[in-house]
Structure formats: structure tokens, C-alpha cells
Amino acid sequence: MHVLAFLQNKYGETNIIINDHWEADREAIGLTDKTGQYLAYISTISNIDNNYFVALENPSAYNEMPYSPAGDFDNISLTELEKILIPHLKLRD
């Protein structure tokens, strides 16, 4: 949850919305931009601090599924995670 607090404190609570489809995964959270169209699934991947996995999803171009894959990144730091989320969730520093 410190990732969520960090991002919401820096970019504003209304710009990052919790949209968690993975309630059973206590090590992960889903976040969307304020339009709800762009999703980022963030997970801690080990007991090491500052070590994350993120999967990005864009709106579906064909309306068959709600989202289409937009890339995933493994074993990244909080700084790298933030750099990935800024354009995807349309955040401004």
C-alpha cells in the first residue's frame, strides 16, 4: 500500500483510482487513470523492498475484452515503476 500512498500523494488521489480485480492476491493492486480506461496491475514479487512487477492494459480496440495487453515489466524499482506509470496513467509531476 505504500506504492499507492506514494503515487496518490505525489499525483493526487483523484488521478489514480483503485480498480482491483485481484482481491485474492494480497500482494497486488489494480490502478486506473481517472477515466478508468487504462489499467496497471502492480504486484510485489518478493520480500525485497522496492521490487515490483507491473502489467499494463489499454482499452480493447475490438470490444471483445475490456482491456488489451500493453506490456509488462518484472523486477523493477519504485523509481522505474513510477516512470512506467506516468505516461500510462497520464500522470503529471
C-alpha atoms as a PDB file:
ATOM      1  CA  MET A   1       0.000   0.000   0.000  1.00  0.00           C
ATOM      2  CA  HIS A   2       2.974   2.334   0.303  1.00  0.00           C
ATOM      3  CA  VAL A   3       3.127   2.475  -3.506  1.00  0.00           C
ATOM      4  CA  LEU A   4      -0.483   3.665  -3.650  1.00  0.00           C
ATOM      5  CA  ALA A   5       0.128   6.265  -0.924  1.00  0.00           C
ATOM      6  CA  PHE A   6       3.302   7.465  -2.671  1.00  0.00           C
ATOM      7  CA  LEU A   7       1.558   7.856  -6.034  1.00  0.00           C
ATOM      8  CA  GLN A   8      -1.600   9.467  -4.652  1.00  0.00           C
ATOM      9  CA  ASN A   9       0.392  11.915  -2.523  1.00  0.00           C
ATOM     10  CA  LYS A  10       2.515  12.927  -5.498  1.00  0.00           C
ATOM     11  CA  TYR A  11      -0.117  12.959  -8.279  1.00  0.00           C
ATOM     12  CA  GLY A  12      -3.383  13.405  -6.389  1.00  0.00           C
ATOM     13  CA  GLU A  13      -5.980  10.924  -5.164  1.00  0.00           C
ATOM     14  CA  THR A  14      -8.400  11.772  -7.964  1.00  0.00           C
ATOM     15  CA  ASN A  15      -5.823  10.930 -10.655  1.00  0.00           C
ATOM     16  CA  ILE A  16      -5.167   7.360  -9.501  1.00  0.00           C
ATOM     17  CA  ILE A  17      -8.179   5.143  -8.885  1.00  0.00           C
ATOM     18  CA  ILE A  18      -8.140   1.713  -7.257  1.00  0.00           C
ATOM     19  CA  ASN A  19      -9.706  -0.818  -9.611  1.00  0.00           C
ATOM     20  CA  ASP A  20      -8.697  -4.114  -8.110  1.00  0.00           C
ATOM     21  CA  HIS A  21      -9.822  -7.287  -9.887  1.00  0.00           C
ATOM     22  CA  TRP A  22      -7.435  -9.443  -7.863  1.00  0.00           C
ATOM     23  CA  GLU A  23      -8.928  -9.417  -4.359  1.00  0.00           C
ATOM     24  CA  ALA A  24      -7.406 -12.826  -3.611  1.00  0.00           C
ATOM     25  CA  ASP A  25      -3.888 -11.524  -4.309  1.00  0.00           C
ATOM     26  CA  ARG A  26      -2.926  -9.541  -1.213  1.00  0.00           C
ATOM     27  CA  GLU A  27       0.412  -8.590  -2.758  1.00  0.00           C
ATOM     28  CA  ALA A  28      -1.165  -6.850  -5.772  1.00  0.00           C
ATOM     29  CA  ILE A  29      -3.396  -3.921  -6.629  1.00  0.00           C
ATOM     30  CA  GLY A  30      -5.070  -2.637  -9.756  1.00  0.00           C
ATOM     31  CA  LEU A  31      -4.973   1.075 -10.545  1.00  0.00           C
ATOM     32  CA  THR A  32      -6.560   3.043 -13.362  1.00  0.00           C
ATOM     33  CA  ASP A  33      -6.271   6.547 -14.657  1.00  0.00           C
ATOM     34  CA  LYS A  34      -9.107   8.899 -13.737  1.00  0.00           C
ATOM     35  CA  THR A  35     -11.054   7.900 -16.883  1.00  0.00           C
ATOM     36  CA  GLY A  36     -10.932   4.229 -15.884  1.00  0.00           C
ATOM     37  CA  GLN A  37      -9.675   3.233 -19.337  1.00  0.00           C
ATOM     38  CA  TYR A  38      -6.017   2.444 -18.631  1.00  0.00           C
ATOM     39  CA  LEU A  39      -5.189  -0.216 -16.062  1.00  0.00           C
ATOM     40  CA  ALA A  40      -1.966  -1.031 -14.244  1.00  0.00           C
ATOM     41  CA  TYR A  41      -1.686  -4.215 -12.183  1.00  0.00           C
ATOM     42  CA  ILE A  42       1.109  -3.803  -9.632  1.00  0.00           C
ATOM     43  CA  SER A  43       2.485  -6.604  -7.514  1.00  0.00           C
ATOM     44  CA  THR A  44       5.337  -7.039  -5.104  1.00  0.00           C
ATOM     45  CA  ILE A  45       7.286 -10.030  -6.288  1.00  0.00           C
ATOM     46  CA  SER A  46       9.459 -10.840  -3.319  1.00  0.00           C
ATOM     47  CA  ASN A  47      10.256  -9.872   0.230  1.00  0.00           C
ATOM     48  CA  ILE A  48      12.851  -7.435  -1.093  1.00  0.00           C
ATOM     49  CA  ASP A  49      11.825  -3.797  -0.704  1.00  0.00           C
ATOM     50  CA  ASN A  50      11.492  -1.788  -3.892  1.00  0.00           C
ATOM     51  CA  ASN A  51      10.973  -4.833  -6.146  1.00  0.00           C
ATOM     52  CA  TYR A  52       7.826  -4.863  -8.295  1.00  0.00           C
ATOM     53  CA  PHE A  53       6.029  -6.399 -11.255  1.00  0.00           C
ATOM     54  CA  VAL A  54       3.625  -4.301 -13.333  1.00  0.00           C
ATOM     55  CA  ALA A  55       1.316  -5.304 -16.180  1.00  0.00           C
ATOM     56  CA  LEU A  56      -0.265  -2.542 -18.256  1.00  0.00           C
ATOM     57  CA  GLU A  57      -3.559  -2.781 -20.078  1.00  0.00           C
ATOM     58  CA  ASN A  58      -5.135  -0.435 -22.634  1.00  0.00           C
ATOM     59  CA  PRO A  59      -8.798  -0.281 -23.598  1.00  0.00           C
ATOM     60  CA  SER A  60      -9.736  -3.027 -26.028  1.00  0.00           C
ATOM     61  CA  ALA A  61      -9.717  -1.969 -29.651  1.00  0.00           C
ATOM     62  CA  TYR A  62     -12.235  -4.654 -30.601  1.00  0.00           C
ATOM     63  CA  ASN A  63     -14.611  -4.640 -27.589  1.00  0.00           C
ATOM     64  CA  GLU A  64     -14.132  -8.401 -27.163  1.00  0.00           C
ATOM     65  CA  MET A  65     -12.375  -7.982 -23.833  1.00  0.00           C
ATOM     66  CA  PRO A  66     -12.382  -4.959 -21.558  1.00  0.00           C
ATOM     67  CA  TYR A  67      -8.625  -4.440 -21.939  1.00  0.00           C
ATOM     68  CA  SER A  68      -5.768  -5.357 -24.261  1.00  0.00           C
ATOM     69  CA  PRO A  69      -2.237  -6.065 -23.004  1.00  0.00           C
ATOM     70  CA  ALA A  70       0.130  -3.089 -23.172  1.00  0.00           C
ATOM     71  CA  GLY A  71       3.309  -4.591 -21.723  1.00  0.00           C
ATOM     72  CA  ASP A  72       4.623  -5.971 -18.505  1.00  0.00           C
ATOM     73  CA  PHE A  73       7.763  -5.289 -16.533  1.00  0.00           C
ATOM     74  CA  ASP A  74       9.364  -7.527 -13.950  1.00  0.00           C
ATOM     75  CA  ASN A  75      11.826  -6.928 -11.147  1.00  0.00           C
ATOM     76  CA  ILE A  76      11.657  -3.118 -11.249  1.00  0.00           C
ATOM     77  CA  SER A  77      12.256  -0.471  -8.593  1.00  0.00           C
ATOM     78  CA  LEU A  78       9.753   2.093  -7.342  1.00  0.00           C
ATOM     79  CA  THR A  79      11.505   4.752  -9.442  1.00  0.00           C
ATOM     80  CA  GLU A  80      11.218   2.582 -12.571  1.00  0.00           C
ATOM     81  CA  LEU A  81       7.596   1.781 -11.722  1.00  0.00           C
ATOM     82  CA  GLU A  82       6.777   5.473 -11.436  1.00  0.00           C
ATOM     83  CA  LYS A  83       8.429   6.212 -14.813  1.00  0.00           C
ATOM     84  CA  ILE A  84       6.311   3.480 -16.435  1.00  0.00           C
ATOM     85  CA  LEU A  85       3.070   4.639 -14.802  1.00  0.00           C
ATOM     86  CA  ILE A  86       3.434   8.360 -15.617  1.00  0.00           C
ATOM     87  CA  PRO A  87       2.601   8.033 -19.329  1.00  0.00           C
ATOM     88  CA  HIS A  88       0.286   5.039 -18.946  1.00  0.00           C
ATOM     89  CA  LEU A  89      -1.953   6.584 -16.289  1.00  0.00           C
ATOM     90  CA  LYS A  90      -1.450  10.075 -17.749  1.00  0.00           C
ATOM     91  CA  LEU A  91       0.092  11.482 -14.584  1.00  0.00           C
ATOM     92  CA  ARG A  92       1.798  14.831 -14.319  1.00  0.00           C
ATOM     93  CA  ASP A  93       4.588  15.636 -11.910  1.00  0.00           C
END
